[in-house]
């Protein structure tokens, strides 16, 4: 998982709160990867 390698903490925070605050780019990449 590239997201986990880049920033695991912001990824988890964004995934739980569903808010683009800390890892906006990470969230976008994760969404694109999941499709």
Protein backbone atom coordinates (compact mmCIF):
# COMPACT_ATOMS: atom_id res chain seq x y z
CA UNK A 1 0.00 0.00 0.00
CA UNK A 2 1.57 3.24 -1.18
CA UNK A 3 -0.66 5.37 1.06
CA UNK A 4 0.42 3.48 4.17
CA UNK A 5 4.05 3.92 3.15
CA UNK A 6 3.68 7.65 2.60
CA UNK A 7 1.62 8.63 5.62
CA UNK A 8 -0.16 5.94 7.64
CA UNK A 9 -1.43 8.29 10.36
CA UNK A 10 -3.12 10.93 8.12
CA UNK A 11 -4.55 8.12 6.01
CA UNK A 12 -6.20 6.55 9.05
CA UNK A 13 -7.45 9.91 10.33
CA UNK A 14 -8.98 10.84 6.98
CA UNK A 15 -10.47 7.39 6.54
CA UNK A 16 -12.14 7.53 9.95
CA UNK A 17 -13.33 11.13 9.99
CA UNK A 18 -13.93 11.33 6.23
CA UNK A 19 -12.44 14.82 6.24
CA UNK A 20 -9.78 16.25 3.95
CA UNK A 21 -7.70 18.03 6.53
CA UNK A 22 -4.25 16.50 6.90
CA UNK A 23 -3.72 14.14 3.97
CA UNK A 24 -5.82 15.50 1.14
CA UNK A 25 -3.54 14.07 -1.52
CA UNK A 26 -3.31 10.74 0.28
CA UNK A 27 -7.08 10.57 0.51
CA UNK A 28 -7.44 11.29 -3.19
CA UNK A 29 -4.87 8.63 -4.11
CA UNK A 30 -6.56 6.11 -1.85
CA UNK A 31 -9.95 6.83 -3.42
CA UNK A 32 -8.55 6.45 -6.93
CA UNK A 33 -6.81 3.17 -6.07
CA UNK A 34 -9.97 1.69 -4.57
CA UNK A 35 -11.90 2.89 -7.59
